[in-house]
Amino acid sequence: MTDRAFLARLDGYGLTTAEIHYHRPDAPSLLQLFVWQEYDLAPDFPVLFDFLDHWRREIEGALHSVRIAHDQLVRPAEWRAASGIIPFQ
């Protein structure tokens, strides 16, 4: 069975990450961060804009800004060892 993400990449889709800042409904002066990821087509981003349209219609938090990162290339994955400890408190 072939991975859905791999097939999408062969069709021209790339992994799109959107960093969405929005105003909290209960405290409009505060910003909250939401990270969204999906396979989408650059530069029009129809999947992302459908999601943002849904957000505007259905979610109370008003959008402040959206930052987009997109990677379209199909290539071997890079792997490197990391040394260190990441503490969680």
C-alpha atoms as a PDB file:
ATOM      1  CA  MET A   1       0.000   0.000   0.000  1.00  0.00           C
ATOM      2  CA  THR A   2       1.392   3.384  -1.014  1.00  0.00           C
ATOM      3  CA  ASP A   3       1.412   6.307   1.386  1.00  0.00           C
ATOM      4  CA  ARG A   4      -1.225   8.989   0.648  1.00  0.00           C
ATOM      5  CA  ALA A   5       1.299  11.763   1.344  1.00  0.00           C
ATOM      6  CA  PHE A   6       3.777  10.334  -1.185  1.00  0.00           C
ATOM      7  CA  LEU A   7       1.091  10.118  -3.877  1.00  0.00           C
ATOM      8  CA  ALA A   8       0.048  13.706  -3.156  1.00  0.00           C
ATOM      9  CA  ARG A   9       3.656  14.874  -3.548  1.00  0.00           C
ATOM     10  CA  LEU A  10       3.901  13.124  -6.915  1.00  0.00           C
ATOM     11  CA  ASP A  11       0.775  15.047  -7.985  1.00  0.00           C
ATOM     12  CA  GLY A  12       2.498  18.361  -7.203  1.00  0.00           C
ATOM     13  CA  TYR A  13       1.308  18.845  -3.643  1.00  0.00           C
ATOM     14  CA  GLY A  14       3.782  19.866  -0.986  1.00  0.00           C
ATOM     15  CA  LEU A  15       3.698  19.959   2.783  1.00  0.00           C
ATOM     16  CA  THR A  16       2.307  23.323   3.835  1.00  0.00           C
ATOM     17  CA  THR A  17       2.631  24.629   7.361  1.00  0.00           C
ATOM     18  CA  ALA A  18       0.641  27.672   8.439  1.00  0.00           C
ATOM     19  CA  GLU A  19       1.344  29.540  11.648  1.00  0.00           C
ATOM     20  CA  ILE A  20      -1.981  31.209  12.457  1.00  0.00           C
ATOM     21  CA  HIS A  21      -2.157  33.986  15.026  1.00  0.00           C
ATOM     22  CA  TYR A  22      -5.631  34.885  16.198  1.00  0.00           C
ATOM     23  CA  HIS A  23      -7.288  37.017  18.858  1.00  0.00           C
ATOM     24  CA  ARG A  24      -8.699  35.049  21.763  1.00  0.00           C
ATOM     25  CA  PRO A  25     -12.482  35.464  21.943  1.00  0.00           C
ATOM     26  CA  ASP A  26     -12.458  35.824  25.744  1.00  0.00           C
ATOM     27  CA  ALA A  27      -9.523  38.284  25.751  1.00  0.00           C
ATOM     28  CA  PRO A  28      -9.285  40.078  22.366  1.00  0.00           C
ATOM     29  CA  SER A  29      -6.097  41.911  23.336  1.00  0.00           C
ATOM     30  CA  LEU A  30      -4.248  38.553  23.577  1.00  0.00           C
ATOM     31  CA  LEU A  31      -2.989  36.554  20.609  1.00  0.00           C
ATOM     32  CA  GLN A  32      -3.043  32.769  20.449  1.00  0.00           C
ATOM     33  CA  LEU A  33      -0.997  30.598  18.076  1.00  0.00           C
ATOM     34  CA  PHE A  34      -2.376  27.671  16.060  1.00  0.00           C
ATOM     35  CA  VAL A  35      -0.168  25.555  13.759  1.00  0.00           C
ATOM     36  CA  TRP A  36      -1.831  23.851  10.779  1.00  0.00           C
ATOM     37  CA  GLN A  37      -0.227  21.316   8.401  1.00  0.00           C
ATOM     38  CA  GLU A  38      -1.611  19.689   5.283  1.00  0.00           C
ATOM     39  CA  TYR A  39      -0.559  18.859   1.734  1.00  0.00           C
ATOM     40  CA  ASP A  40      -1.453  21.745  -0.581  1.00  0.00           C
ATOM     41  CA  LEU A  41      -0.640  23.289  -3.954  1.00  0.00           C
ATOM     42  CA  ALA A  42       1.561  26.399  -4.035  1.00  0.00           C
ATOM     43  CA  PRO A  43       1.210  29.275  -4.823  1.00  0.00           C
ATOM     44  CA  ASP A  44      -2.611  29.298  -4.642  1.00  0.00           C
ATOM     45  CA  PHE A  45      -2.970  27.127  -1.500  1.00  0.00           C
ATOM     46  CA  PRO A  46      -6.612  26.070  -2.073  1.00  0.00           C
ATOM     47  CA  VAL A  47      -6.698  23.695   0.925  1.00  0.00           C
ATOM     48  CA  LEU A  48      -5.322  26.349   3.295  1.00  0.00           C
ATOM     49  CA  PHE A  49      -7.702  29.038   2.060  1.00  0.00           C
ATOM     50  CA  ASP A  50     -10.655  26.652   2.412  1.00  0.00           C
ATOM     51  CA  PHE A  51      -9.572  26.076   6.011  1.00  0.00           C
ATOM     52  CA  LEU A  52      -9.214  29.839   6.628  1.00  0.00           C
ATOM     53  CA  ASP A  53     -12.676  30.452   5.135  1.00  0.00           C
ATOM     54  CA  HIS A  54     -14.043  27.802   7.512  1.00  0.00           C
ATOM     55  CA  TRP A  55     -12.222  29.545  10.394  1.00  0.00           C
ATOM     56  CA  ARG A  56     -13.776  32.922   9.530  1.00  0.00           C
ATOM     57  CA  ARG A  57     -17.277  31.401   9.344  1.00  0.00           C
ATOM     58  CA  GLU A  58     -17.231  28.987  12.292  1.00  0.00           C
ATOM     59  CA  ILE A  59     -14.596  30.020  14.843  1.00  0.00           C
ATOM     60  CA  GLU A  60     -14.978  33.012  17.126  1.00  0.00           C
ATOM     61  CA  GLY A  61     -11.286  33.985  17.251  1.00  0.00           C
ATOM     62  CA  ALA A  62     -10.599  36.753  14.721  1.00  0.00           C
ATOM     63  CA  LEU A  63      -7.537  36.119  12.555  1.00  0.00           C
ATOM     64  CA  HIS A  64      -4.557  38.401  13.120  1.00  0.00           C
ATOM     65  CA  SER A  65      -1.924  36.980  10.758  1.00  0.00           C
ATOM     66  CA  VAL A  66      -0.935  33.827   8.884  1.00  0.00           C
ATOM     67  CA  ARG A  67       2.631  32.821   8.040  1.00  0.00           C
ATOM     68  CA  ILE A  68       3.068  30.064   5.450  1.00  0.00           C
ATOM     69  CA  ALA A  69       5.938  27.644   4.823  1.00  0.00           C
ATOM     70  CA  HIS A  70       5.803  25.211   1.907  1.00  0.00           C
ATOM     71  CA  ASP A  71       8.075  22.395   0.721  1.00  0.00           C
ATOM     72  CA  GLN A  72       7.294  20.884  -2.671  1.00  0.00           C
ATOM     73  CA  LEU A  73      10.391  18.908  -3.601  1.00  0.00           C
ATOM     74  CA  VAL A  74      10.374  15.122  -3.586  1.00  0.00           C
ATOM     75  CA  ARG A  75      13.825  14.038  -2.407  1.00  0.00           C
ATOM     76  CA  PRO A  76      15.427  11.631   0.021  1.00  0.00           C
ATOM     77  CA  ALA A  77      14.776  12.542   3.618  1.00  0.00           C
ATOM     78  CA  GLU A  78      17.681  13.992   5.555  1.00  0.00           C
ATOM     79  CA  TRP A  79      18.602  12.475   8.857  1.00  0.00           C
ATOM     80  CA  ARG A  80      21.166  13.636  11.321  1.00  0.00           C
ATOM     81  CA  ALA A  81      21.848  12.686  14.869  1.00  0.00           C
ATOM     82  CA  ALA A  82      21.287  15.314  17.500  1.00  0.00           C
ATOM     83  CA  SER A  83      23.201  15.315  20.714  1.00  0.00           C
ATOM     84  CA  GLY A  84      21.697  16.889  23.758  1.00  0.00           C
ATOM     85  CA  ILE A  85      18.903  16.624  26.233  1.00  0.00           C
ATOM     86  CA  ILE A  86      15.624  18.461  25.904  1.00  0.00           C
ATOM     87  CA  PRO A  87      14.097  18.950  29.347  1.00  0.00           C
ATOM     88  CA  PHE A  88      10.311  19.103  29.703  1.00  0.00           C
ATOM     89  CA  GLN A  89       9.050  20.819  32.814  1.00  0.00           C
END
